[in-house]
Amino acid sequence: MSVGHTEVTTEPVVSCGGEDCGIREVLDRIGDKWSVLVVVELAQGVRRFRELQRAVPGISQRMLTLTVRRLERDGLISRTVHAVVPPQVDYELTPTGHSLTHLVRALADWSAEHRDGIAESRRRWDAAHPGSGIH
């Protein structure tokens, strides 16, 4: 290796013995922007569907429905239907979902702390690379 060069390794951070060990599927779920925002909101406590929808800007009813179903399927949230008219449905984090909140909060905090700098970097890059199609 010559001076001034850094060795780049392609070793995975987590080894699965060459098999797909399901990490990608889990990361796809918890890395999804809607899932992160729903988990952040539910970290505050139990929410009804409409409360979640109002608290997560830009999410459609269909996307929220899909997101909470996926999170429920993955065991991160629980859904409680109350036998009242009209039906009332509450969502809350499970113990597994709660174990994720410190990581999600850290990611949200990091995003808030660095969003202005990232936006400025994007503006500079876009100005230097017009027509790149990356946005």
Protein backbone atom coordinates (compact mmCIF):
# COMPACT_ATOMS: atom_id res chain seq x y z
CA MET A 1 0.00 0.00 0.00
CA SER A 2 1.39 3.42 -0.89
CA VAL A 3 1.44 6.44 1.37
CA GLY A 4 -1.77 8.47 1.34
CA HIS A 5 -4.04 5.59 0.42
CA THR A 6 -6.53 4.00 2.73
CA GLU A 7 -7.33 0.35 2.50
CA VAL A 8 -11.02 -0.19 1.79
CA THR A 9 -12.53 -3.39 3.07
CA THR A 10 -15.72 -4.91 1.78
CA GLU A 11 -16.29 -7.08 4.83
CA PRO A 12 -19.87 -6.88 6.07
CA VAL A 13 -20.47 -5.28 9.44
CA VAL A 14 -22.54 -8.32 10.43
CA SER A 15 -21.67 -11.70 9.03
CA CYS A 16 -24.40 -14.19 8.24
CA GLY A 17 -22.13 -16.94 7.00
CA GLY A 18 -22.90 -16.08 3.37
CA GLU A 19 -26.63 -16.59 3.86
CA ASP A 20 -29.39 -14.01 3.90
CA CYS A 21 -29.99 -13.83 7.62
CA GLY A 22 -32.96 -11.44 7.44
CA ILE A 23 -31.07 -8.32 8.46
CA ARG A 24 -31.83 -6.53 5.23
CA GLU A 25 -35.56 -7.19 5.63
CA VAL A 26 -35.55 -5.84 9.20
CA LEU A 27 -33.51 -2.79 8.22
CA ASP A 28 -35.85 -2.13 5.30
CA ARG A 29 -38.75 -1.95 7.75
CA ILE A 30 -37.17 0.11 10.49
CA GLY A 31 -35.39 2.31 7.95
CA ASP A 32 -38.57 3.17 6.08
CA LYS A 33 -39.35 6.85 6.62
CA TRP A 34 -42.99 6.27 7.53
CA SER A 35 -42.13 3.51 10.00
CA VAL A 36 -39.58 5.72 11.71
CA LEU A 37 -42.06 8.59 12.01
CA VAL A 38 -44.82 6.31 13.35
CA VAL A 39 -42.44 4.78 15.92
CA VAL A 40 -41.32 8.27 16.99
CA GLU A 41 -44.96 9.29 17.50
CA LEU A 42 -45.91 6.10 19.34
CA ALA A 43 -42.92 6.56 21.64
CA GLN A 44 -45.00 9.40 23.11
CA GLY A 45 -47.80 6.98 24.03
CA VAL A 46 -50.93 5.28 22.73
CA ARG A 47 -52.46 6.89 19.63
CA ARG A 48 -55.60 6.41 17.61
CA PHE A 49 -55.35 6.09 13.83
CA ARG A 50 -56.42 9.68 13.12
CA GLU A 51 -54.05 11.01 15.77
CA LEU A 52 -51.20 9.19 14.05
CA GLN A 53 -52.28 10.50 10.67
CA ARG A 54 -52.34 14.10 11.93
CA ALA A 55 -48.97 13.67 13.68
CA VAL A 56 -47.14 12.30 10.62
CA PRO A 57 -47.15 15.06 7.99
CA GLY A 58 -47.68 13.94 4.42
CA ILE A 59 -48.71 10.35 5.13
CA SER A 60 -51.81 9.19 3.30
CA GLN A 61 -54.49 7.06 4.92
CA ARG A 62 -53.47 4.11 2.73
CA MET A 63 -49.76 4.46 3.55
CA LEU A 64 -50.48 4.76 7.27
CA THR A 65 -52.67 1.65 7.09
CA LEU A 66 -49.87 -0.28 5.35
CA THR A 67 -47.25 1.04 7.76
CA VAL A 68 -49.12 0.12 10.94
CA ARG A 69 -49.99 -3.32 9.54
CA ARG A 70 -46.34 -3.99 8.73
CA LEU A 71 -45.18 -2.75 12.11
CA GLU A 72 -47.81 -4.91 13.80
CA ARG A 73 -46.78 -7.93 11.72
CA ASP A 74 -43.16 -7.35 12.76
CA GLY A 75 -44.17 -7.20 16.43
CA LEU A 76 -43.18 -3.56 16.90
CA ILE A 77 -46.67 -2.20 17.61
CA SER A 78 -49.89 -3.63 18.92
CA ARG A 79 -53.38 -2.79 17.75
CA THR A 80 -56.36 -2.76 20.13
CA VAL A 81 -59.90 -2.56 18.77
CA HIS A 82 -62.50 -1.30 21.25
CA ALA A 83 -66.06 -2.56 20.83
CA VAL A 84 -67.74 0.83 20.59
CA VAL A 85 -69.69 2.58 17.86
CA PRO A 86 -67.95 3.84 15.83
CA PRO A 87 -65.09 1.38 16.36
CA GLN A 88 -62.06 2.82 18.12
CA VAL A 89 -58.60 1.47 17.36
CA ASP A 90 -55.54 2.25 19.45
CA TYR A 91 -51.92 1.65 18.51
CA GLU A 92 -48.99 1.38 20.88
CA LEU A 93 -45.44 0.16 20.88
CA THR A 94 -44.74 -3.36 22.06
CA PRO A 95 -41.72 -4.03 24.30
CA THR A 96 -39.73 -4.77 21.11
CA GLY A 97 -40.92 -1.47 19.62
CA HIS A 98 -39.94 0.38 22.79
CA SER A 99 -36.46 -1.16 22.60
CA LEU A 100 -36.07 0.53 19.22
CA THR A 101 -37.07 4.03 20.34
CA HIS A 102 -33.66 5.16 21.63
CA LEU A 103 -32.14 4.32 18.24
CA VAL A 104 -34.93 6.01 16.30
CA ARG A 105 -34.77 9.07 18.55
CA ALA A 106 -31.01 9.27 18.05
CA LEU A 107 -31.52 9.11 14.28
CA ALA A 108 -34.26 11.75 14.42
CA ASP A 109 -32.09 13.99 16.61
CA TRP A 110 -29.12 13.56 14.27
CA SER A 111 -31.34 14.40 11.29
CA ALA A 112 -32.64 17.56 12.96
CA GLU A 113 -29.14 18.61 13.97
CA HIS A 114 -27.66 18.16 10.49
CA ARG A 115 -30.56 18.95 8.15
CA ASP A 116 -29.45 22.53 7.44
CA GLY A 117 -25.88 21.49 6.65
CA ILE A 118 -27.09 18.65 4.44
CA ALA A 119 -29.49 21.01 2.62
CA GLU A 120 -26.62 23.44 2.02
CA SER A 121 -24.37 20.63 0.74
CA ARG A 122 -27.12 19.53 -1.63
CA ARG A 123 -27.56 23.07 -2.96
CA ARG A 124 -23.80 23.38 -3.59
CA TRP A 125 -23.60 19.94 -5.24
CA ASP A 126 -26.65 20.60 -7.42
CA ALA A 127 -25.18 23.94 -8.52
CA ALA A 128 -21.89 22.25 -9.43
CA HIS A 129 -23.65 19.34 -11.23
CA PRO A 130 -26.62 20.80 -13.13
CA GLY A 131 -28.75 18.29 -14.95
CA SER A 132 -27.37 15.33 -12.99
CA GLY A 133 -30.87 14.04 -12.29
CA ILE A 134 -30.00 13.30 -8.66
CA HIS A 135 -32.53 14.79 -6.23
